[in-house]
Amino acid sequence: MQTRFRCHTGHAFNENSLLSYVTESIEDSLWNALRAMDESQMLLRHMAEHYADMGDTRTAEVFLDRAQEAQDRASQVRALVVQRNGRKGAAGPLAGPAPQDVGQR
């Protein structure tokens, strides 16, 4: 007898389909998080450039520091995602785009 699961809206899943659905949802969430982190980093760098152009180097440096922190966090998450993909051993959503193309996925 195969176990069946039902979500609150009534969709039915067997064990394999539920695991596949949950895994895909997690992978999508990770890529969305990376995309948001990359966009945040780009915005922070743009703001730093804007303030530098206005001659406000102190504020520009603050934004550059924040951009570097955002880049470091994104790199950590990206490394985990890529590491997970390596263990998975097959191309899939976690294979994803190259890091520089994450915003275009």
N, C-alpha and C. Protein backbone atom coordinates (compact mmCIF):
# COMPACT_ATOMS: atom_id res chain seq x y z
N MET A 1 0.85 -1.19 0.00
CA MET A 1 0.00 0.00 0.00
C MET A 1 0.89 1.24 0.00
N GLN A 2 0.60 2.13 -0.90
CA GLN A 2 1.40 3.34 -1.05
C GLN A 2 0.77 4.48 -0.24
N THR A 3 1.61 5.22 0.49
CA THR A 3 1.14 6.34 1.28
C THR A 3 0.77 7.50 0.37
N ARG A 4 -0.32 8.16 0.67
CA ARG A 4 -0.77 9.32 -0.09
C ARG A 4 -0.81 10.52 0.85
N PHE A 5 -0.43 11.67 0.32
CA PHE A 5 -0.47 12.92 1.08
C PHE A 5 -1.40 13.87 0.36
N ARG A 6 -2.06 14.73 1.11
CA ARG A 6 -2.97 15.71 0.54
C ARG A 6 -2.67 17.08 1.16
N CYS A 7 -2.55 18.09 0.31
CA CYS A 7 -2.31 19.44 0.82
C CYS A 7 -3.64 20.06 1.23
N HIS A 8 -3.57 21.25 1.81
CA HIS A 8 -4.78 21.91 2.32
C HIS A 8 -5.76 22.28 1.21
N THR A 9 -5.31 22.35 -0.04
CA THR A 9 -6.23 22.65 -1.13
C THR A 9 -6.74 21.39 -1.82
N GLY A 10 -6.26 20.22 -1.36
CA GLY A 10 -6.79 18.97 -1.87
C GLY A 10 -5.93 18.25 -2.89
N HIS A 11 -4.78 18.80 -3.27
CA HIS A 11 -3.90 18.10 -4.21
C HIS A 11 -3.35 16.84 -3.54
N ALA A 12 -3.34 15.76 -4.27
CA ALA A 12 -2.84 14.48 -3.73
C ALA A 12 -1.44 14.20 -4.26
N PHE A 13 -0.60 13.65 -3.41
CA PHE A 13 0.78 13.31 -3.75
C PHE A 13 1.11 11.94 -3.20
N ASN A 14 1.90 11.19 -3.97
CA ASN A 14 2.52 10.01 -3.38
C ASN A 14 3.86 10.45 -2.82
N GLU A 15 4.60 9.54 -2.18
CA GLU A 15 5.86 9.92 -1.54
C GLU A 15 6.85 10.54 -2.52
N ASN A 16 7.02 9.92 -3.68
CA ASN A 16 7.98 10.41 -4.67
C ASN A 16 7.58 11.77 -5.25
N SER A 17 6.31 11.93 -5.58
CA SER A 17 5.89 13.19 -6.17
C SER A 17 5.94 14.32 -5.13
N LEU A 18 5.64 14.04 -3.88
CA LEU A 18 5.73 15.05 -2.84
C LEU A 18 7.17 15.47 -2.62
N LEU A 19 8.07 14.51 -2.54
CA LEU A 19 9.49 14.83 -2.37
C LEU A 19 10.01 15.65 -3.55
N SER A 20 9.62 15.28 -4.76
CA SER A 20 10.04 16.01 -5.95
C SER A 20 9.50 17.44 -5.92
N TYR A 21 8.24 17.59 -5.57
CA TYR A 21 7.63 18.92 -5.50
C TYR A 21 8.32 19.80 -4.46
N VAL A 22 8.56 19.27 -3.28
CA VAL A 22 9.20 20.03 -2.22
C VAL A 22 10.63 20.41 -2.61
N THR A 23 11.36 19.47 -3.19
CA THR A 23 12.74 19.74 -3.62
C THR A 23 12.78 20.84 -4.67
N GLU A 24 11.91 20.76 -5.64
CA GLU A 24 11.86 21.79 -6.69
C GLU A 24 11.49 23.14 -6.10
N SER A 25 10.58 23.16 -5.16
CA SER A 25 10.18 24.41 -4.52
C SER A 25 11.34 25.03 -3.76
N ILE A 26 12.11 24.22 -3.06
CA ILE A 26 13.28 24.71 -2.33
C ILE A 26 14.31 25.26 -3.30
N GLU A 27 14.57 24.55 -4.38
CA GLU A 27 15.55 25.01 -5.37
C GLU A 27 15.12 26.33 -5.98
N ASP A 28 13.85 26.45 -6.31
CA ASP A 28 13.34 27.72 -6.86
C ASP A 28 13.52 28.85 -5.85
N SER A 29 13.24 28.57 -4.59
CA SER A 29 13.39 29.58 -3.54
C SER A 29 14.84 30.02 -3.40
N LEU A 30 15.77 29.07 -3.48
CA LEU A 30 17.19 29.42 -3.37
C LEU A 30 17.62 30.31 -4.53
N TRP A 31 17.19 29.98 -5.75
CA TRP A 31 17.56 30.81 -6.90
C TRP A 31 16.92 32.18 -6.80
N ASN A 32 15.68 32.25 -6.30
CA ASN A 32 15.04 33.56 -6.13
C ASN A 32 15.78 34.38 -5.08
N ALA A 33 16.24 33.74 -4.01
CA ALA A 33 17.02 34.45 -2.99
C ALA A 33 18.32 34.97 -3.58
N LEU A 34 19.00 34.15 -4.38
CA LEU A 34 20.24 34.60 -5.01
C LEU A 34 19.99 35.77 -5.96
N ARG A 35 18.93 35.69 -6.70
CA ARG A 35 18.59 36.77 -7.63
C ARG A 35 18.36 38.06 -6.85
N ALA A 36 17.61 37.99 -5.76
CA ALA A 36 17.35 39.18 -4.94
C ALA A 36 18.64 39.72 -4.33
N MET A 37 19.52 38.84 -3.89
CA MET A 37 20.79 39.27 -3.32
C MET A 37 21.65 39.96 -4.38
N ASP A 38 21.67 39.42 -5.57
CA ASP A 38 22.44 40.03 -6.66
C ASP A 38 21.87 41.40 -7.03
N GLU A 39 20.54 41.50 -7.06
CA GLU A 39 19.91 42.78 -7.38
C GLU A 39 20.20 43.81 -6.28
N SER A 40 20.20 43.38 -5.03
CA SER A 40 20.52 44.26 -3.92
C SER A 40 21.95 44.78 -4.06
N GLN A 41 22.85 43.88 -4.38
CA GLN A 41 24.25 44.26 -4.56
C GLN A 41 24.41 45.28 -5.69
N MET A 42 23.72 45.04 -6.80
CA MET A 42 23.81 45.99 -7.91
C MET A 42 23.26 47.36 -7.53
N LEU A 43 22.15 47.38 -6.80
CA LEU A 43 21.56 48.65 -6.37
C LEU A 43 22.52 49.38 -5.43
N LEU A 44 23.10 48.66 -4.48
CA LEU A 44 24.04 49.28 -3.54
C LEU A 44 25.25 49.86 -4.28
N ARG A 45 25.77 49.15 -5.27
CA ARG A 45 26.91 49.65 -6.04
C ARG A 45 26.50 50.89 -6.87
N HIS A 46 25.30 50.85 -7.42
CA HIS A 46 24.80 52.00 -8.18
C HIS A 46 24.68 53.23 -7.27
N MET A 47 24.17 53.02 -6.06
CA MET A 47 24.03 54.14 -5.13
C MET A 47 25.41 54.66 -4.71
N ALA A 48 26.37 53.76 -4.52
CA ALA A 48 27.73 54.19 -4.19
C ALA A 48 28.30 55.05 -5.31
N GLU A 49 28.09 54.61 -6.54
CA GLU A 49 28.58 55.37 -7.69
C GLU A 49 27.92 56.75 -7.75
N HIS A 50 26.63 56.77 -7.49
CA HIS A 50 25.89 58.04 -7.50
C HIS A 50 26.48 59.01 -6.47
N TYR A 51 26.69 58.54 -5.25
CA TYR A 51 27.24 59.42 -4.22
C TYR A 51 28.68 59.81 -4.51
N ALA A 52 29.45 58.90 -5.10
CA ALA A 52 30.83 59.24 -5.48
C ALA A 52 30.83 60.34 -6.53
N ASP A 53 29.91 60.22 -7.51
CA ASP A 53 29.80 61.25 -8.55
C ASP A 53 29.42 62.61 -7.97
N MET A 54 28.67 62.58 -6.87
CA MET A 54 28.25 63.83 -6.21
C MET A 54 29.33 64.35 -5.27
N GLY A 55 30.42 63.59 -5.12
CA GLY A 55 31.51 64.02 -4.26
C GLY A 55 31.37 63.61 -2.80
N ASP A 56 30.36 62.83 -2.50
CA ASP A 56 30.13 62.37 -1.12
C ASP A 56 30.80 61.00 -0.95
N THR A 57 32.12 61.03 -0.79
CA THR A 57 32.88 59.78 -0.74
C THR A 57 32.57 58.96 0.52
N ARG A 58 32.26 59.61 1.60
CA ARG A 58 31.96 58.89 2.85
C ARG A 58 30.71 58.01 2.66
N THR A 59 29.65 58.59 2.13
CA THR A 59 28.42 57.82 1.89
C THR A 59 28.66 56.77 0.82
N ALA A 60 29.44 57.10 -0.20
CA ALA A 60 29.77 56.13 -1.25
C ALA A 60 30.47 54.91 -0.65
N GLU A 61 31.39 55.15 0.27
CA GLU A 61 32.10 54.04 0.91
C GLU A 61 31.16 53.17 1.74
N VAL A 62 30.20 53.79 2.41
CA VAL A 62 29.21 53.03 3.19
C VAL A 62 28.44 52.10 2.26
N PHE A 63 28.00 52.62 1.12
CA PHE A 63 27.25 51.79 0.18
C PHE A 63 28.13 50.71 -0.44
N LEU A 64 29.38 51.02 -0.71
CA LEU A 64 30.30 50.00 -1.24
C LEU A 64 30.53 48.90 -0.22
N ASP A 65 30.67 49.26 1.06
CA ASP A 65 30.82 48.25 2.11
C ASP A 65 29.59 47.35 2.19
N ARG A 66 28.43 47.97 2.11
CA ARG A 66 27.19 47.17 2.15
C ARG A 66 27.08 46.28 0.92
N ALA A 67 27.51 46.77 -0.23
CA ALA A 67 27.49 45.96 -1.46
C ALA A 67 28.43 44.77 -1.31
N GLN A 68 29.60 44.99 -0.71
CA GLN A 68 30.54 43.89 -0.51
C GLN A 68 29.97 42.85 0.45
N GLU A 69 29.28 43.30 1.49
CA GLU A 69 28.63 42.37 2.43
C GLU A 69 27.57 41.56 1.71
N ALA A 70 26.78 42.21 0.85
CA ALA A 70 25.75 41.52 0.08
C ALA A 70 26.38 40.50 -0.86
N GLN A 71 27.49 40.87 -1.48
CA GLN A 71 28.18 39.95 -2.38
C GLN A 71 28.72 38.74 -1.60
N ASP A 72 29.26 38.98 -0.43
CA ASP A 72 29.78 37.88 0.39
C ASP A 72 28.66 36.92 0.79
N ARG A 73 27.52 37.45 1.20
CA ARG A 73 26.38 36.59 1.57
C ARG A 73 25.90 35.79 0.36
N ALA A 74 25.78 36.45 -0.78
CA ALA A 74 25.34 35.75 -1.99
C ALA A 74 26.33 34.67 -2.39
N SER A 75 27.61 34.93 -2.23
CA SER A 75 28.63 33.93 -2.57
C SER A 75 28.50 32.70 -1.68
N GLN A 76 28.21 32.91 -0.40
CA GLN A 76 28.03 31.79 0.52
C GLN A 76 26.83 30.94 0.13
N VAL A 77 25.72 31.60 -0.17
CA VAL A 77 24.51 30.87 -0.58
C VAL A 77 24.75 30.16 -1.90
N ARG A 78 25.39 30.85 -2.84
CA ARG A 78 25.68 30.26 -4.15
C ARG A 78 26.56 29.01 -4.00
N ALA A 79 27.56 29.08 -3.13
CA ALA A 79 28.44 27.93 -2.91
C ALA A 79 27.65 26.74 -2.37
N LEU A 80 26.72 26.99 -1.48
CA LEU A 80 25.90 25.90 -0.95
C LEU A 80 25.02 25.29 -2.04
N VAL A 81 24.45 26.16 -2.87
CA VAL A 81 23.57 25.68 -3.94
C VAL A 81 24.38 24.84 -4.94
N VAL A 82 25.55 25.33 -5.31
CA VAL A 82 26.39 24.60 -6.27
C VAL A 82 26.89 23.31 -5.65
N GLN A 83 27.26 23.34 -4.36
CA GLN A 83 27.70 22.13 -3.67
C GLN A 83 26.57 21.11 -3.65
N ARG A 84 25.37 21.54 -3.38
CA ARG A 84 24.20 20.64 -3.37
C ARG A 84 24.00 20.04 -4.76
N ASN A 85 24.17 20.85 -5.78
CA ASN A 85 24.01 20.37 -7.14
C ASN A 85 25.07 19.32 -7.47
N GLY A 86 26.29 19.51 -6.99
CA GLY A 86 27.35 18.53 -7.22
C GLY A 86 27.04 17.19 -6.59
N ARG A 87 26.45 17.22 -5.41
CA ARG A 87 26.08 15.96 -4.74
C ARG A 87 24.91 15.30 -5.45
N LYS A 88 24.05 16.12 -6.02
CA LYS A 88 22.88 15.60 -6.73
C LYS A 88 23.32 14.80 -7.95
N GLY A 89 24.40 15.27 -8.61
CA GLY A 89 24.98 14.52 -9.71
C GLY A 89 24.23 14.60 -11.01
N ALA A 90 23.23 15.43 -11.10
CA ALA A 90 22.49 15.56 -12.35
C ALA A 90 22.12 17.02 -12.55
N ALA A 91 22.03 17.41 -13.79
CA ALA A 91 21.62 18.78 -14.09
C ALA A 91 20.16 18.94 -13.72
N GLY A 92 19.82 20.07 -13.25
CA GLY A 92 18.44 20.34 -12.87
C GLY A 92 18.35 21.81 -12.52
N PRO A 93 17.29 22.21 -11.82
CA PRO A 93 17.14 23.61 -11.48
C PRO A 93 18.34 24.16 -10.73
N LEU A 94 19.00 23.35 -9.92
CA LEU A 94 20.15 23.86 -9.20
C LEU A 94 21.37 24.04 -10.08
N ALA A 95 21.39 23.40 -11.25
CA ALA A 95 22.49 23.65 -12.17
C ALA A 95 22.44 25.11 -12.56
N GLY A 96 21.22 25.60 -12.76
CA GLY A 96 20.95 27.00 -12.96
C GLY A 96 21.89 27.71 -13.91
N PRO A 97 21.74 28.99 -14.00
CA PRO A 97 22.60 29.79 -14.85
C PRO A 97 23.95 30.01 -14.18
N ALA A 98 24.89 30.45 -14.96
CA ALA A 98 26.18 30.83 -14.39
C ALA A 98 25.95 31.97 -13.42
N PRO A 99 26.79 32.11 -12.38
CA PRO A 99 26.55 33.13 -11.36
C PRO A 99 26.28 34.52 -11.91
N GLN A 100 26.97 34.93 -12.95
CA GLN A 100 26.74 36.26 -13.49
C GLN A 100 25.40 36.38 -14.20
N ASP A 101 24.74 35.27 -14.50
CA ASP A 101 23.47 35.30 -15.23
C ASP A 101 22.28 35.03 -14.33
N VAL A 102 22.46 34.95 -13.02
CA VAL A 102 21.37 34.59 -12.13
C VAL A 102 20.17 35.52 -12.28
N GLY A 103 20.41 36.79 -12.47
CA GLY A 103 19.30 37.73 -12.62
C GLY A 103 18.50 37.53 -13.87
N GLN A 104 18.98 36.71 -14.79
CA GLN A 104 18.29 36.51 -16.07
C GLN A 104 17.59 35.18 -16.15
N ARG A 105 17.59 34.42 -15.06
CA ARG A 105 16.99 33.09 -15.08
C ARG A 105 15.50 33.17 -15.24
